[in-house]
PDB file of N, CA and C in Angstrom:
ATOM      1  N   MET A   1      31.527 -12.698 -78.300  1.00  0.00           N
ATOM      2  CA  MET A   1      30.641 -13.501 -78.741  1.00  0.00           C
ATOM      3  C   MET A   1      31.325 -14.808 -79.101  1.00  0.00           C
ATOM      4  N   GLN A   2      30.331 -15.896 -79.239  1.00  0.00           N
ATOM      5  CA  GLN A   2      30.851 -17.212 -79.380  1.00  0.00           C
ATOM      6  C   GLN A   2      31.113 -17.644 -81.021  1.00  0.00           C
ATOM      7  N   GLN A   3      31.956 -18.310 -81.143  1.00  0.00           N
ATOM      8  CA  GLN A   3      32.223 -18.933 -82.641  1.00  0.00           C
ATOM      9  C   GLN A   3      30.846 -19.785 -83.094  1.00  0.00           C
ATOM     10  N   GLY A   4      30.702 -20.001 -84.156  1.00  0.00           N
ATOM     11  CA  GLY A   4      29.745 -20.965 -84.721  1.00  0.00           C
ATOM     12  C   GLY A   4      28.450 -20.149 -84.900  1.00  0.00           C
ATOM     13  N   LEU A   5      28.306 -18.916 -84.659  1.00  0.00           N
ATOM     14  CA  LEU A   5      27.151 -18.299 -84.883  1.00  0.00           C
ATOM     15  C   LEU A   5      26.997 -17.989 -86.414  1.00  0.00           C
ATOM     16  N   ASN A   6      25.781 -17.882 -87.061  1.00  0.00           N
ATOM     17  CA  ASN A   6      25.470 -17.496 -88.383  1.00  0.00           C
ATOM     18  C   ASN A   6      25.280 -15.871 -88.250  1.00  0.00           C
ATOM     19  N   SER A   7      25.353 -15.230 -89.346  1.00  0.00           N
ATOM     20  CA  SER A   7      25.349 -13.706 -89.497  1.00  0.00           C
ATOM     21  C   SER A   7      23.998 -13.147 -88.687  1.00  0.00           C
ATOM     22  N   ARG A   8      22.817 -13.820 -88.728  1.00  0.00           N
ATOM     23  CA  ARG A   8      21.691 -13.445 -88.149  1.00  0.00           C
ATOM     24  C   ARG A   8      21.770 -13.746 -86.654  1.00  0.00           C
ATOM     25  N   GLN A   9      22.534 -14.752 -86.217  1.00  0.00           N
ATOM     26  CA  GLN A   9      22.612 -14.740 -84.617  1.00  0.00           C
ATOM     27  C   GLN A   9      23.602 -13.663 -84.149  1.00  0.00           C
ATOM     28  N   PHE A  10      24.624 -13.641 -84.949  1.00  0.00           N
ATOM     29  CA  PHE A  10      25.785 -12.630 -84.445  1.00  0.00           C
ATOM     30  C   PHE A  10      25.053 -11.225 -84.392  1.00  0.00           C
ATOM     31  N   ASP A  11      24.342 -10.721 -85.277  1.00  0.00           N
ATOM     32  CA  ASP A  11      23.647  -9.351 -85.063  1.00  0.00           C
ATOM     33  C   ASP A  11      22.441  -9.523 -84.030  1.00  0.00           C
ATOM     34  N   GLN A  12      21.880 -10.389 -83.856  1.00  0.00           N
ATOM     35  CA  GLN A  12      20.908 -10.602 -82.797  1.00  0.00           C
ATOM     36  C   GLN A  12      21.480 -10.716 -81.477  1.00  0.00           C
ATOM     37  N   ALA A  13      22.696 -11.222 -81.290  1.00  0.00           N
ATOM     38  CA  ALA A  13      23.279 -11.162 -80.023  1.00  0.00           C
ATOM     39  C   ALA A  13      23.979  -9.777 -79.737  1.00  0.00           C
ATOM     40  N   ALA A  14      24.482  -9.154 -80.841  1.00  0.00           N
ATOM     41  CA  ALA A  14      25.165  -7.817 -80.639  1.00  0.00           C
ATOM     42  C   ALA A  14      23.885  -6.971 -80.269  1.00  0.00           C
ATOM     43  N   GLY A  15      22.860  -6.941 -80.736  1.00  0.00           N
ATOM     44  CA  GLY A  15      21.815  -6.103 -80.399  1.00  0.00           C
ATOM     45  C   GLY A  15      21.266  -6.410 -78.947  1.00  0.00           C
ATOM     46  N   TYR A  16      21.129  -7.691 -78.486  1.00  0.00           N
ATOM     47  CA  TYR A  16      20.844  -7.951 -77.124  1.00  0.00           C
ATOM     48  C   TYR A  16      21.857  -7.510 -76.194  1.00  0.00           C
ATOM     49  N   VAL A  17      23.060  -7.456 -76.358  1.00  0.00           N
ATOM     50  CA  VAL A  17      24.120  -6.921 -75.687  1.00  0.00           C
ATOM     51  C   VAL A  17      23.957  -5.401 -75.583  1.00  0.00           C
ATOM     52  N   GLN A  18      23.572  -4.703 -76.726  1.00  0.00           N
ATOM     53  CA  GLN A  18      23.470  -3.317 -76.714  1.00  0.00           C
ATOM     54  C   GLN A  18      22.247  -2.832 -75.844  1.00  0.00           C
ATOM     55  N   ILE A  19      21.156  -3.760 -76.104  1.00  0.00           N
ATOM     56  CA  ILE A  19      20.032  -3.307 -75.206  1.00  0.00           C
ATOM     57  C   ILE A  19      20.295  -3.393 -73.816  1.00  0.00           C
ATOM     58  N   VAL A  20      21.069  -4.514 -73.284  1.00  0.00           N
ATOM     59  CA  VAL A  20      21.571  -4.563 -71.938  1.00  0.00           C
ATOM     60  C   VAL A  20      22.385  -3.594 -71.358  1.00  0.00           C
ATOM     61  N   GLU A  21      23.316  -2.932 -72.227  1.00  0.00           N
ATOM     62  CA  GLU A  21      24.080  -2.004 -71.888  1.00  0.00           C
ATOM     63  C   GLU A  21      23.337  -0.530 -71.662  1.00  0.00           C
ATOM     64  N   ASP A  22      22.214  -0.536 -72.683  1.00  0.00           N
ATOM     65  CA  ASP A  22      21.297   0.704 -72.382  1.00  0.00           C
ATOM     66  C   ASP A  22      20.299   0.581 -71.444  1.00  0.00           C
ATOM     67  N   PHE A  23      19.708  -0.469 -71.171  1.00  0.00           N
ATOM     68  CA  PHE A  23      18.688  -0.818 -70.214  1.00  0.00           C
ATOM     69  C   PHE A  23      18.714  -1.682 -69.042  1.00  0.00           C
ATOM     70  N   GLY A  24      19.675  -2.347 -69.045  1.00  0.00           N
ATOM     71  CA  GLY A  24      20.021  -3.426 -68.117  1.00  0.00           C
ATOM     72  C   GLY A  24      19.433  -4.753 -68.454  1.00  0.00           C
ATOM     73  N   GLN A  25      19.825  -5.681 -67.634  1.00  0.00           N
ATOM     74  CA  GLN A  25      19.279  -7.106 -68.042  1.00  0.00           C
ATOM     75  C   GLN A  25      17.487  -7.233 -68.004  1.00  0.00           C
ATOM     76  N   TRP A  26      17.272  -8.123 -68.742  1.00  0.00           N
ATOM     77  CA  TRP A  26      15.836  -8.570 -68.772  1.00  0.00           C
ATOM     78  C   TRP A  26      15.407  -9.190 -67.486  1.00  0.00           C
ATOM     79  N   ASN A  27      14.400  -9.200 -66.774  1.00  0.00           N
ATOM     80  CA  ASN A  27      14.005  -9.897 -65.682  1.00  0.00           C
ATOM     81  C   ASN A  27      13.610 -11.230 -66.263  1.00  0.00           C
ATOM     82  N   GLN A  28      13.230 -12.158 -65.414  1.00  0.00           N
ATOM     83  CA  GLN A  28      12.745 -13.502 -65.959  1.00  0.00           C
ATOM     84  C   GLN A  28      11.256 -13.582 -66.092  1.00  0.00           C
ATOM     85  N   GLY A  29      10.400 -12.544 -66.068  1.00  0.00           N
ATOM     86  CA  GLY A  29       9.076 -12.508 -66.161  1.00  0.00           C
ATOM     87  C   GLY A  29       8.669 -12.556 -67.647  1.00  0.00           C
ATOM     88  N   PRO A  30       7.354 -12.658 -67.727  1.00  0.00           N
ATOM     89  CA  PRO A  30       6.631 -12.874 -69.026  1.00  0.00           C
ATOM     90  C   PRO A  30       6.295 -11.675 -69.750  1.00  0.00           C
ATOM     91  N   PHE A  31       6.522 -10.462 -69.051  1.00  0.00           N
ATOM     92  CA  PHE A  31       6.091  -9.145 -69.743  1.00  0.00           C
ATOM     93  C   PHE A  31       7.100  -8.481 -70.576  1.00  0.00           C
ATOM     94  N   SER A  32       6.718  -7.196 -70.891  1.00  0.00           N
ATOM     95  CA  SER A  32       7.771  -6.561 -71.974  1.00  0.00           C
ATOM     96  C   SER A  32       9.188  -6.382 -71.413  1.00  0.00           C
ATOM     97  N   ASN A  33       9.370  -6.417 -70.238  1.00  0.00           N
ATOM     98  CA  ASN A  33      10.557  -6.138 -69.738  1.00  0.00           C
ATOM     99  C   ASN A  33      11.362  -7.706 -69.266  1.00  0.00           C
ATOM    100  N   GLY A  34      10.474  -8.697 -69.647  1.00  0.00           N
ATOM    101  CA  GLY A  34      10.910 -10.116 -69.169  1.00  0.00           C
ATOM    102  C   GLY A  34      11.414 -10.936 -70.386  1.00  0.00           C
ATOM    103  N   ALA A  35      12.307 -11.886 -69.842  1.00  0.00           N
ATOM    104  CA  ALA A  35      12.757 -12.863 -70.980  1.00  0.00           C
ATOM    105  C   ALA A  35      11.863 -14.345 -71.147  1.00  0.00           C
ATOM    106  N   HIS A  36      10.760 -14.378 -70.235  1.00  0.00           N
ATOM    107  CA  HIS A  36       9.803 -15.375 -70.353  1.00  0.00           C
ATOM    108  C   HIS A  36      10.629 -16.635 -70.092  1.00  0.00           C
ATOM    109  N   TYR A  37      11.294 -16.509 -69.083  1.00  0.00           N
ATOM    110  CA  TYR A  37      12.283 -17.452 -68.620  1.00  0.00           C
ATOM    111  C   TYR A  37      11.628 -18.687 -67.854  1.00  0.00           C
ATOM    112  N   PHE A  38      11.930 -20.143 -68.100  1.00  0.00           N
ATOM    113  CA  PHE A  38      11.522 -20.998 -67.439  1.00  0.00           C
ATOM    114  C   PHE A  38      12.334 -22.234 -67.201  1.00  0.00           C
ATOM    115  N   GLY A  39      12.421 -22.615 -65.930  1.00  0.00           N
ATOM    116  CA  GLY A  39      13.339 -23.771 -65.458  1.00  0.00           C
ATOM    117  C   GLY A  39      13.017 -25.182 -66.176  1.00  0.00           C
ATOM    118  N   SER A  40      14.153 -25.904 -65.825  1.00  0.00           N
ATOM    119  CA  SER A  40      14.191 -27.347 -66.498  1.00  0.00           C
ATOM    120  C   SER A  40      12.855 -28.231 -66.545  1.00  0.00           C
ATOM    121  N   ALA A  41      12.168 -28.110 -65.365  1.00  0.00           N
ATOM    122  CA  ALA A  41      10.843 -28.884 -65.325  1.00  0.00           C
ATOM    123  C   ALA A  41       9.801 -28.529 -66.259  1.00  0.00           C
ATOM    124  N   ASP A  42      10.011 -27.251 -66.737  1.00  0.00           N
ATOM    125  CA  ASP A  42       8.985 -26.718 -67.714  1.00  0.00           C
ATOM    126  C   ASP A  42       9.448 -26.572 -69.116  1.00  0.00           C
ATOM    127  N   ASN A  43      10.735 -27.105 -69.393  1.00  0.00           N
ATOM    128  CA  ASN A  43      11.434 -26.887 -70.572  1.00  0.00           C
ATOM    129  C   ASN A  43      10.879 -28.353 -71.293  1.00  0.00           C
ATOM    130  N   PRO A  44      10.120 -28.183 -72.558  1.00  0.00           N
ATOM    131  CA  PRO A  44      10.086 -29.432 -73.331  1.00  0.00           C
ATOM    132  C   PRO A  44      11.096 -29.651 -74.412  1.00  0.00           C
ATOM    133  N   PHE A  45      12.078 -28.711 -74.522  1.00  0.00           N
ATOM    134  CA  PHE A  45      13.232 -28.813 -75.512  1.00  0.00           C
ATOM    135  C   PHE A  45      14.414 -29.373 -75.128  1.00  0.00           C
ATOM    136  N   VAL A  46      14.420 -30.008 -73.930  1.00  0.00           N
ATOM    137  CA  VAL A  46      15.816 -30.299 -73.385  1.00  0.00           C
ATOM    138  C   VAL A  46      16.349 -31.299 -74.201  1.00  0.00           C
ATOM    139  N   ASP A  47      15.827 -32.300 -74.551  1.00  0.00           N
ATOM    140  CA  ASP A  47      16.344 -33.248 -75.450  1.00  0.00           C
ATOM    141  C   ASP A  47      16.952 -32.764 -76.708  1.00  0.00           C
ATOM    142  N   ALA A  48      16.450 -31.643 -77.362  1.00  0.00           N
ATOM    143  CA  ALA A  48      16.805 -31.030 -78.483  1.00  0.00           C
ATOM    144  C   ALA A  48      18.034 -30.200 -78.278  1.00  0.00           C
ATOM    145  N   GLY A  49      18.508 -30.077 -77.056  1.00  0.00           N
ATOM    146  CA  GLY A  49      19.769 -29.050 -76.779  1.00  0.00           C
ATOM    147  C   GLY A  49      19.316 -27.779 -76.602  1.00  0.00           C
ATOM    148  N   MET A  50      18.091 -27.283 -76.600  1.00  0.00           N
ATOM    149  CA  MET A  50      17.740 -25.890 -76.484  1.00  0.00           C
ATOM    150  C   MET A  50      17.505 -25.718 -74.895  1.00  0.00           C
ATOM    151  N   VAL A  51      18.721 -25.587 -74.273  1.00  0.00           N
ATOM    152  CA  VAL A  51      18.814 -25.040 -72.947  1.00  0.00           C
ATOM    153  C   VAL A  51      19.695 -24.044 -72.640  1.00  0.00           C
ATOM    154  N   CYS A  52      19.446 -23.561 -71.602  1.00  0.00           N
ATOM    155  CA  CYS A  52      20.512 -22.149 -71.172  1.00  0.00           C
ATOM    156  C   CYS A  52      22.142 -22.572 -71.282  1.00  0.00           C
ATOM    157  N   GLY A  53      22.327 -23.834 -70.944  1.00  0.00           N
ATOM    158  CA  GLY A  53      23.867 -24.151 -70.788  1.00  0.00           C
ATOM    159  C   GLY A  53      24.367 -24.197 -72.189  1.00  0.00           C
ATOM    160  N   ASN A  54      23.533 -24.216 -73.243  1.00  0.00           N
ATOM    161  CA  ASN A  54      24.111 -24.120 -74.741  1.00  0.00           C
ATOM    162  C   ASN A  54      24.040 -22.858 -75.345  1.00  0.00           C
ATOM    163  N   CYS A  55      23.334 -21.830 -74.595  1.00  0.00           N
ATOM    164  CA  CYS A  55      23.201 -20.655 -75.088  1.00  0.00           C
ATOM    165  C   CYS A  55      24.431 -19.895 -74.938  1.00  0.00           C
ATOM    166  N   ILE A  56      24.738 -18.919 -75.731  1.00  0.00           N
ATOM    167  CA  ILE A  56      26.021 -18.198 -75.655  1.00  0.00           C
ATOM    168  C   ILE A  56      26.054 -17.230 -74.527  1.00  0.00           C
ATOM    169  N   PHE A  57      24.856 -16.780 -73.817  1.00  0.00           N
ATOM    170  CA  PHE A  57      25.041 -15.893 -72.751  1.00  0.00           C
ATOM    171  C   PHE A  57      25.176 -16.701 -71.409  1.00  0.00           C
ATOM    172  N   TRP A  58      25.219 -18.045 -71.403  1.00  0.00           N
ATOM    173  CA  TRP A  58      25.153 -18.806 -70.223  1.00  0.00           C
ATOM    174  C   TRP A  58      26.708 -18.490 -69.616  1.00  0.00           C
ATOM    175  N   GLU A  59      26.717 -18.490 -68.174  1.00  0.00           N
ATOM    176  CA  GLU A  59      27.738 -18.322 -67.496  1.00  0.00           C
ATOM    177  C   GLU A  59      27.996 -19.506 -66.452  1.00  0.00           C
ATOM    178  N   ASP A  60      29.010 -20.148 -66.542  1.00  0.00           N
ATOM    179  CA  ASP A  60      29.243 -21.309 -65.578  1.00  0.00           C
ATOM    180  C   ASP A  60      28.938 -21.111 -64.088  1.00  0.00           C
ATOM    181  N   SER A  61      28.687 -19.753 -63.765  1.00  0.00           N
ATOM    182  CA  SER A  61      28.227 -19.470 -62.418  1.00  0.00           C
ATOM    183  C   SER A  61      26.872 -19.719 -62.163  1.00  0.00           C
ATOM    184  N   GLY A  62      26.125 -20.009 -63.273  1.00  0.00           N
ATOM    185  CA  GLY A  62      24.689 -20.159 -63.030  1.00  0.00           C
ATOM    186  C   GLY A  62      23.995 -18.904 -63.297  1.00  0.00           C
ATOM    187  N   ASN A  63      24.501 -17.957 -64.079  1.00  0.00           N
ATOM    188  CA  ASN A  63      23.968 -16.864 -64.355  1.00  0.00           C
ATOM    189  C   ASN A  63      23.925 -16.505 -65.797  1.00  0.00           C
ATOM    190  N   CYS A  64      23.075 -15.532 -66.102  1.00  0.00           N
ATOM    191  CA  CYS A  64      23.073 -15.248 -67.800  1.00  0.00           C
ATOM    192  C   CYS A  64      23.511 -13.823 -68.031  1.00  0.00           C
ATOM    193  N   GLN A  65      24.069 -13.429 -68.982  1.00  0.00           N
ATOM    194  CA  GLN A  65      24.744 -11.948 -69.250  1.00  0.00           C
ATOM    195  C   GLN A  65      23.572 -11.287 -69.517  1.00  0.00           C
ATOM    196  N   ILE A  66      22.429 -11.742 -69.968  1.00  0.00           N
ATOM    197  CA  ILE A  66      21.279 -10.820 -70.334  1.00  0.00           C
ATOM    198  C   ILE A  66      20.074 -10.792 -69.470  1.00  0.00           C
ATOM    199  N   VAL A  67      19.951 -11.926 -68.687  1.00  0.00           N
ATOM    200  CA  VAL A  67      18.878 -12.026 -68.062  1.00  0.00           C
ATOM    201  C   VAL A  67      19.035 -12.006 -66.483  1.00  0.00           C
ATOM    202  N   SER A  68      18.455 -11.504 -65.726  1.00  0.00           N
ATOM    203  CA  SER A  68      18.852 -11.346 -64.220  1.00  0.00           C
ATOM    204  C   SER A  68      18.548 -12.625 -63.495  1.00  0.00           C
ATOM    205  N   GLY A  69      19.120 -12.847 -62.180  1.00  0.00           N
ATOM    206  CA  GLY A  69      18.772 -13.796 -61.461  1.00  0.00           C
ATOM    207  C   GLY A  69      19.513 -15.157 -61.745  1.00  0.00           C
ATOM    208  N   ARG A  70      19.320 -16.156 -60.800  1.00  0.00           N
ATOM    209  CA  ARG A  70      19.890 -17.481 -61.084  1.00  0.00           C
ATOM    210  C   ARG A  70      19.241 -18.272 -62.069  1.00  0.00           C
ATOM    211  N   ILE A  71      19.781 -18.820 -62.960  1.00  0.00           N
ATOM    212  CA  ILE A  71      19.490 -19.583 -64.210  1.00  0.00           C
ATOM    213  C   ILE A  71      19.828 -21.107 -64.051  1.00  0.00           C
ATOM    214  N   ASP A  72      18.806 -21.836 -64.395  1.00  0.00           N
ATOM    215  CA  ASP A  72      18.646 -23.423 -64.397  1.00  0.00           C
ATOM    216  C   ASP A  72      19.600 -23.762 -65.589  1.00  0.00           C
ATOM    217  N   ILE A  73      20.532 -24.454 -65.525  1.00  0.00           N
ATOM    218  CA  ILE A  73      21.375 -24.769 -66.867  1.00  0.00           C
ATOM    219  C   ILE A  73      20.433 -25.436 -67.848  1.00  0.00           C
ATOM    220  N   GLN A  74      19.412 -26.342 -67.589  1.00  0.00           N
ATOM    221  CA  GLN A  74      18.528 -26.763 -68.525  1.00  0.00           C
ATOM    222  C   GLN A  74      17.204 -26.065 -68.546  1.00  0.00           C
ATOM    223  N   GLY A  75      17.272 -24.754 -68.263  1.00  0.00           N
ATOM    224  CA  GLY A  75      16.226 -23.842 -68.560  1.00  0.00           C
ATOM    225  C   GLY A  75      16.120 -23.228 -69.780  1.00  0.00           C
ATOM    226  N   LEU A  76      15.269 -22.294 -69.885  1.00  0.00           N
ATOM    227  CA  LEU A  76      15.324 -21.806 -71.553  1.00  0.00           C
ATOM    228  C   LEU A  76      14.560 -20.551 -71.297  1.00  0.00           C
ATOM    229  N   CYS A  77      14.603 -19.572 -72.331  1.00  0.00           N
ATOM    230  CA  CYS A  77      13.961 -18.252 -72.271  1.00  0.00           C
ATOM    231  C   CYS A  77      13.720 -17.893 -73.683  1.00  0.00           C
ATOM    232  N   LYS A  78      13.140 -16.914 -74.061  1.00  0.00           N
ATOM    233  CA  LYS A  78      12.737 -16.528 -75.489  1.00  0.00           C
ATOM    234  C   LYS A  78      13.793 -15.920 -76.176  1.00  0.00           C
ATOM    235  N   LEU A  79      15.107 -15.424 -75.304  1.00  0.00           N
ATOM    236  CA  LEU A  79      15.998 -14.630 -75.794  1.00  0.00           C
ATOM    237  C   LEU A  79      17.259 -15.619 -76.331  1.00  0.00           C
ATOM    238  N   TRP A  80      17.112 -17.053 -76.278  1.00  0.00           N
ATOM    239  CA  TRP A  80      18.235 -17.813 -76.305  1.00  0.00           C
ATOM    240  C   TRP A  80      19.029 -17.685 -77.913  1.00  0.00           C
ATOM    241  N   ILE A  81      20.010 -17.877 -77.809  1.00  0.00           N
ATOM    242  CA  ILE A  81      20.856 -17.986 -78.991  1.00  0.00           C
ATOM    243  C   ILE A  81      21.738 -19.159 -78.900  1.00  0.00           C
ATOM    244  N   ILE A  82      21.580 -20.154 -79.745  1.00  0.00           N
ATOM    245  CA  ILE A  82      22.225 -21.492 -79.442  1.00  0.00           C
ATOM    246  C   ILE A  82      22.796 -21.923 -80.908  1.00  0.00           C
ATOM    247  N   PRO A  83      24.098 -21.768 -81.037  1.00  0.00           N
ATOM    248  CA  PRO A  83      24.716 -22.313 -82.404  1.00  0.00           C
ATOM    249  C   PRO A  83      24.145 -23.677 -82.671  1.00  0.00           C
ATOM    250  N   ASP A  84      24.055 -23.742 -84.032  1.00  0.00           N
ATOM    251  CA  ASP A  84      23.369 -25.105 -84.574  1.00  0.00           C
ATOM    252  C   ASP A  84      24.104 -26.361 -83.943  1.00  0.00           C
ATOM    253  N   GLN A  85      25.530 -26.199 -84.048  1.00  0.00           N
ATOM    254  CA  GLN A  85      26.262 -27.523 -83.674  1.00  0.00           C
ATOM    255  C   GLN A  85      25.861 -27.856 -82.220  1.00  0.00           C
ATOM    256  N   SER A  86      25.388 -26.941 -81.297  1.00  0.00           N
ATOM    257  CA  SER A  86      25.043 -27.417 -79.979  1.00  0.00           C
ATOM    258  C   SER A  86      23.428 -28.170 -79.917  1.00  0.00           C
ATOM    259  N   MET A  87      22.846 -27.904 -81.004  1.00  0.00           N
ATOM    260  CA  MET A  87      21.446 -28.644 -81.157  1.00  0.00           C
ATOM    261  C   MET A  87      21.613 -30.044 -81.385  1.00  0.00           C
ATOM    262  N   GLU A  88      20.537 -30.848 -80.866  1.00  0.00           N
ATOM    263  CA  GLU A  88      20.663 -32.212 -81.070  1.00  0.00           C
ATOM    264  C   GLU A  88      19.135 -32.638 -82.089  1.00  0.00           C
ATOM    265  N   VAL A  89      18.952 -31.880 -82.797  1.00  0.00           N
ATOM    266  CA  VAL A  89      17.791 -32.136 -83.951  1.00  0.00           C
ATOM    267  C   VAL A  89      18.105 -32.997 -84.829  1.00  0.00           C
TER     268      VAL A  89
END
């Protein structure tokens, strides 16, 4: 896990990792097995730094550790965990 997480974020991240180990990655869709992922064109939070590229699960290969499929670096999903120092608020 990444440095800079508060205790709540650390526990949240550990929980997500355990869920992926038990059930596999979330898909990108909006339903119960989905992460409600959307690409940069639909992300109103880009200027605030709320983007996949700042999330602890982002991989430089354009993938996410917990959401399946190709991921837009400026996209976002409901599972994001972004350290405060990466936010532009």
